[in-house]
Amino acid sequence: MSLLRRPLYQRSEGVDEDRWRLAFDTETRRLFVEHEKKRGDFRGAGYAIETDEVELAEFLEQPSQGGHAREQLVRLLETLFAGDRDMSRPAAA
């Protein structure tokens, strides 16, 4: 499995850290948000790193997910479609 990742947002609060990345699995062709959480004291025992994969639609729909990371993802998606404003209308059949 080969993952391509693009950072969206990072937050540090004391010893705790959160990172959100847009990820694309090149084998399965799956696009998702990766949320990495580091918790605890890194100098000794008692810290953990946990990574969750969140589907794009779920990440964008849930206000409790990501906050600033969600805003960054929306901005990134808007740049992808910036030149395609006319394509928001349905195509003629």
N, C-alpha and C. Protein backbone atom coordinates (compact mmCIF):
# COMPACT_ATOMS: atom_id res chain seq x y z
N MET A 1 0.86 -1.18 0.00
CA MET A 1 0.00 0.00 0.00
C MET A 1 0.89 1.23 0.00
N SER A 2 0.63 2.15 -0.89
CA SER A 2 1.35 3.41 -0.95
C SER A 2 0.38 4.54 -0.64
N LEU A 3 0.71 5.33 0.38
CA LEU A 3 -0.15 6.44 0.77
C LEU A 3 0.50 7.76 0.38
N LEU A 4 -0.27 8.60 -0.27
CA LEU A 4 0.13 9.98 -0.53
C LEU A 4 -0.58 10.82 0.51
N ARG A 5 0.14 11.73 1.15
CA ARG A 5 -0.46 12.53 2.22
C ARG A 5 -0.18 14.01 1.99
N ARG A 6 -1.16 14.83 2.37
CA ARG A 6 -1.01 16.29 2.33
C ARG A 6 -1.47 16.82 3.68
N PRO A 7 -0.60 17.53 4.40
CA PRO A 7 -0.99 18.07 5.71
C PRO A 7 -2.14 19.07 5.57
N LEU A 8 -3.08 18.99 6.52
CA LEU A 8 -4.20 19.93 6.56
C LEU A 8 -4.05 20.89 7.73
N TYR A 9 -3.81 20.34 8.92
CA TYR A 9 -3.76 21.18 10.12
C TYR A 9 -3.05 20.42 11.23
N GLN A 10 -2.35 21.17 12.09
CA GLN A 10 -1.68 20.58 13.24
C GLN A 10 -1.97 21.44 14.47
N ARG A 11 -2.23 20.77 15.60
CA ARG A 11 -2.53 21.49 16.85
C ARG A 11 -1.72 20.84 17.96
N SER A 12 -1.05 21.67 18.75
CA SER A 12 -0.30 21.19 19.91
C SER A 12 -0.83 21.89 21.16
N GLU A 13 -1.09 21.09 22.18
CA GLU A 13 -1.54 21.62 23.47
C GLU A 13 -0.72 20.92 24.55
N GLY A 14 0.34 21.57 25.00
CA GLY A 14 1.22 20.94 25.98
C GLY A 14 1.90 19.74 25.34
N VAL A 15 1.73 18.57 25.97
CA VAL A 15 2.36 17.36 25.42
C VAL A 15 1.46 16.65 24.42
N ASP A 16 0.23 17.09 24.27
CA ASP A 16 -0.71 16.47 23.33
C ASP A 16 -0.62 17.15 21.97
N GLU A 17 -0.73 16.34 20.93
CA GLU A 17 -0.63 16.88 19.57
C GLU A 17 -1.62 16.15 18.66
N ASP A 18 -2.24 16.90 17.76
CA ASP A 18 -3.15 16.35 16.75
C ASP A 18 -2.66 16.81 15.39
N ARG A 19 -2.71 15.88 14.43
CA ARG A 19 -2.37 16.20 13.03
C ARG A 19 -3.45 15.60 12.14
N TRP A 20 -3.91 16.42 11.21
CA TRP A 20 -4.87 15.95 10.22
C TRP A 20 -4.20 16.04 8.86
N ARG A 21 -4.37 14.98 8.06
CA ARG A 21 -3.80 14.94 6.71
C ARG A 21 -4.83 14.38 5.75
N LEU A 22 -4.84 14.92 4.54
CA LEU A 22 -5.61 14.32 3.46
C LEU A 22 -4.75 13.19 2.93
N ALA A 23 -5.32 11.99 2.81
CA ALA A 23 -4.54 10.82 2.39
C ALA A 23 -5.21 10.14 1.21
N PHE A 24 -4.38 9.64 0.30
CA PHE A 24 -4.85 8.90 -0.85
C PHE A 24 -4.08 7.59 -0.93
N ASP A 25 -4.80 6.48 -0.87
CA ASP A 25 -4.22 5.16 -1.00
C ASP A 25 -4.18 4.84 -2.49
N THR A 26 -2.99 4.74 -3.05
CA THR A 26 -2.86 4.55 -4.49
C THR A 26 -3.29 3.17 -4.96
N GLU A 27 -3.25 2.18 -4.08
CA GLU A 27 -3.67 0.83 -4.47
C GLU A 27 -5.18 0.69 -4.52
N THR A 28 -5.86 1.16 -3.47
CA THR A 28 -7.31 1.01 -3.41
C THR A 28 -8.04 2.21 -4.01
N ARG A 29 -7.27 3.27 -4.29
CA ARG A 29 -7.81 4.53 -4.82
C ARG A 29 -8.83 5.14 -3.87
N ARG A 30 -8.50 5.08 -2.61
CA ARG A 30 -9.37 5.60 -1.54
C ARG A 30 -8.80 6.92 -1.03
N LEU A 31 -9.67 7.93 -0.94
CA LEU A 31 -9.32 9.25 -0.45
C LEU A 31 -9.99 9.43 0.91
N PHE A 32 -9.22 9.82 1.93
CA PHE A 32 -9.76 9.94 3.28
C PHE A 32 -8.94 10.94 4.09
N VAL A 33 -9.40 11.25 5.29
CA VAL A 33 -8.67 12.11 6.21
C VAL A 33 -8.04 11.23 7.27
N GLU A 34 -6.77 11.45 7.51
CA GLU A 34 -6.03 10.72 8.53
C GLU A 34 -5.86 11.65 9.73
N HIS A 35 -6.25 11.19 10.91
CA HIS A 35 -6.12 11.98 12.13
C HIS A 35 -5.18 11.24 13.07
N GLU A 36 -4.02 11.83 13.31
CA GLU A 36 -3.03 11.24 14.21
C GLU A 36 -3.06 11.98 15.54
N LYS A 37 -3.21 11.23 16.62
CA LYS A 37 -3.27 11.81 17.97
C LYS A 37 -2.10 11.28 18.78
N LYS A 38 -1.32 12.20 19.33
CA LYS A 38 -0.23 11.84 20.25
C LYS A 38 -0.63 12.35 21.62
N ARG A 39 -0.61 11.46 22.60
CA ARG A 39 -1.05 11.83 23.94
C ARG A 39 -0.04 11.36 24.97
N GLY A 40 0.22 12.21 25.96
CA GLY A 40 1.05 11.82 27.09
C GLY A 40 2.45 12.38 27.02
N ASP A 41 3.29 11.90 27.92
CA ASP A 41 4.67 12.37 28.08
C ASP A 41 5.59 11.53 27.21
N PHE A 42 6.22 12.14 26.22
CA PHE A 42 7.07 11.43 25.26
C PHE A 42 8.43 11.04 25.85
N ARG A 43 8.79 11.60 27.00
CA ARG A 43 10.10 11.31 27.59
C ARG A 43 10.12 9.97 28.33
N GLY A 44 8.99 9.44 28.65
CA GLY A 44 8.96 8.19 29.40
C GLY A 44 7.77 7.35 29.00
N ALA A 45 7.47 6.42 29.87
CA ALA A 45 6.30 5.56 29.62
C ALA A 45 5.03 6.39 29.74
N GLY A 46 3.99 5.91 29.13
CA GLY A 46 2.71 6.58 29.30
C GLY A 46 2.29 7.48 28.16
N TYR A 47 2.85 7.30 26.99
CA TYR A 47 2.34 8.07 25.86
C TYR A 47 1.86 7.10 24.78
N ALA A 48 0.99 7.62 23.94
CA ALA A 48 0.42 6.78 22.89
C ALA A 48 0.24 7.60 21.62
N ILE A 49 0.34 6.92 20.50
CA ILE A 49 0.05 7.51 19.19
C ILE A 49 -1.05 6.67 18.56
N GLU A 50 -2.13 7.33 18.22
CA GLU A 50 -3.28 6.64 17.62
C GLU A 50 -3.62 7.35 16.31
N THR A 51 -3.90 6.56 15.28
CA THR A 51 -4.26 7.13 13.98
C THR A 51 -5.61 6.60 13.55
N ASP A 52 -6.51 7.51 13.20
CA ASP A 52 -7.84 7.16 12.72
C ASP A 52 -7.94 7.56 11.25
N GLU A 53 -8.71 6.78 10.50
CA GLU A 53 -9.03 7.12 9.12
C GLU A 53 -10.50 7.47 9.05
N VAL A 54 -10.79 8.67 8.54
CA VAL A 54 -12.16 9.16 8.49
C VAL A 54 -12.54 9.40 7.04
N GLU A 55 -13.67 8.85 6.62
CA GLU A 55 -14.14 9.05 5.25
C GLU A 55 -14.41 10.54 5.02
N LEU A 56 -14.16 11.02 3.81
CA LEU A 56 -14.29 12.45 3.51
C LEU A 56 -15.68 13.00 3.85
N ALA A 57 -16.72 12.33 3.41
CA ALA A 57 -18.08 12.83 3.64
C ALA A 57 -18.35 12.94 5.14
N GLU A 58 -17.96 11.93 5.90
CA GLU A 58 -18.15 11.94 7.35
C GLU A 58 -17.38 13.09 7.99
N PHE A 59 -16.15 13.29 7.56
CA PHE A 59 -15.31 14.36 8.10
C PHE A 59 -15.92 15.73 7.83
N LEU A 60 -16.44 15.93 6.63
CA LEU A 60 -17.02 17.21 6.27
C LEU A 60 -18.37 17.46 6.93
N GLU A 61 -19.12 16.41 7.23
CA GLU A 61 -20.46 16.55 7.80
C GLU A 61 -20.47 16.78 9.30
N GLN A 62 -19.50 16.25 10.02
CA GLN A 62 -19.54 16.29 11.48
C GLN A 62 -18.79 17.50 12.03
N PRO A 63 -19.51 18.44 12.65
CA PRO A 63 -18.86 19.63 13.18
C PRO A 63 -17.84 19.31 14.28
N SER A 64 -18.00 18.18 14.94
CA SER A 64 -17.06 17.82 16.01
C SER A 64 -15.74 17.31 15.45
N GLN A 65 -15.68 17.03 14.17
CA GLN A 65 -14.45 16.52 13.54
C GLN A 65 -13.58 17.67 13.07
N GLY A 66 -12.41 17.79 13.61
CA GLY A 66 -11.38 18.61 12.99
C GLY A 66 -11.42 20.11 13.06
N GLY A 67 -12.55 20.77 13.11
CA GLY A 67 -12.61 22.23 13.17
C GLY A 67 -11.77 22.91 12.10
N HIS A 68 -10.58 23.39 12.49
CA HIS A 68 -9.69 24.08 11.56
C HIS A 68 -9.23 23.16 10.44
N ALA A 69 -9.04 21.89 10.73
CA ALA A 69 -8.62 20.95 9.69
C ALA A 69 -9.71 20.83 8.63
N ARG A 70 -10.96 20.82 9.05
CA ARG A 70 -12.07 20.76 8.10
C ARG A 70 -12.09 22.01 7.23
N GLU A 71 -11.85 23.17 7.84
CA GLU A 71 -11.81 24.42 7.07
C GLU A 71 -10.69 24.38 6.03
N GLN A 72 -9.53 23.84 6.41
CA GLN A 72 -8.41 23.73 5.47
C GLN A 72 -8.73 22.78 4.32
N LEU A 73 -9.42 21.69 4.63
CA LEU A 73 -9.81 20.75 3.58
C LEU A 73 -10.78 21.41 2.60
N VAL A 74 -11.74 22.15 3.10
CA VAL A 74 -12.70 22.85 2.24
C VAL A 74 -11.96 23.83 1.34
N ARG A 75 -11.00 24.58 1.89
CA ARG A 75 -10.21 25.52 1.08
C ARG A 75 -9.43 24.80 0.00
N LEU A 76 -8.84 23.66 0.36
CA LEU A 76 -8.08 22.88 -0.62
C LEU A 76 -8.99 22.40 -1.74
N LEU A 77 -10.16 21.88 -1.39
CA LEU A 77 -11.10 21.41 -2.40
C LEU A 77 -11.58 22.56 -3.29
N GLU A 78 -11.80 23.73 -2.70
CA GLU A 78 -12.22 24.88 -3.49
C GLU A 78 -11.16 25.27 -4.51
N THR A 79 -9.87 25.16 -4.15
CA THR A 79 -8.81 25.51 -5.11
C THR A 79 -8.79 24.53 -6.28
N LEU A 80 -9.15 23.28 -6.02
CA LEU A 80 -9.19 22.30 -7.10
C LEU A 80 -10.24 22.64 -8.15
N PHE A 81 -11.31 23.30 -7.71
CA PHE A 81 -12.43 23.60 -8.60
C PHE A 81 -12.54 25.09 -8.92
N ALA A 82 -11.54 25.89 -8.58
CA ALA A 82 -11.60 27.34 -8.73
C ALA A 82 -11.91 27.77 -10.16
N GLY A 83 -11.35 27.10 -11.15
CA GLY A 83 -11.56 27.48 -12.54
C GLY A 83 -12.80 26.87 -13.16
N ASP A 84 -13.53 26.07 -12.38
CA ASP A 84 -14.67 25.34 -12.92
C ASP A 84 -16.01 25.86 -12.39
N ARG A 85 -16.13 27.14 -12.17
CA ARG A 85 -17.36 27.71 -11.62
C ARG A 85 -18.58 27.40 -12.48
N ASP A 86 -18.40 27.36 -13.80
CA ASP A 86 -19.53 27.10 -14.70
C ASP A 86 -19.97 25.65 -14.64
N MET A 87 -19.15 24.77 -14.13
CA MET A 87 -19.49 23.34 -14.09
C MET A 87 -20.45 23.01 -12.96
N SER A 88 -20.78 24.01 -12.13
CA SER A 88 -21.73 23.75 -11.04
C SER A 88 -23.14 23.57 -11.56
N ARG A 89 -23.37 24.01 -12.81
CA ARG A 89 -24.68 23.80 -13.43
C ARG A 89 -24.74 22.44 -14.10
N PRO A 90 -25.88 21.79 -14.09
CA PRO A 90 -25.99 20.48 -14.75
C PRO A 90 -25.69 20.59 -16.25
N ALA A 91 -25.07 19.58 -16.77
CA ALA A 91 -24.76 19.56 -18.21
C ALA A 91 -26.03 19.31 -19.00
N ALA A 92 -26.12 19.90 -20.17
CA ALA A 92 -27.29 19.70 -21.04
C ALA A 92 -27.24 18.29 -21.59
N ALA A 93 -28.42 17.67 -21.66
CA ALA A 93 -28.49 16.29 -22.15
C ALA A 93 -28.56 16.20 -23.64
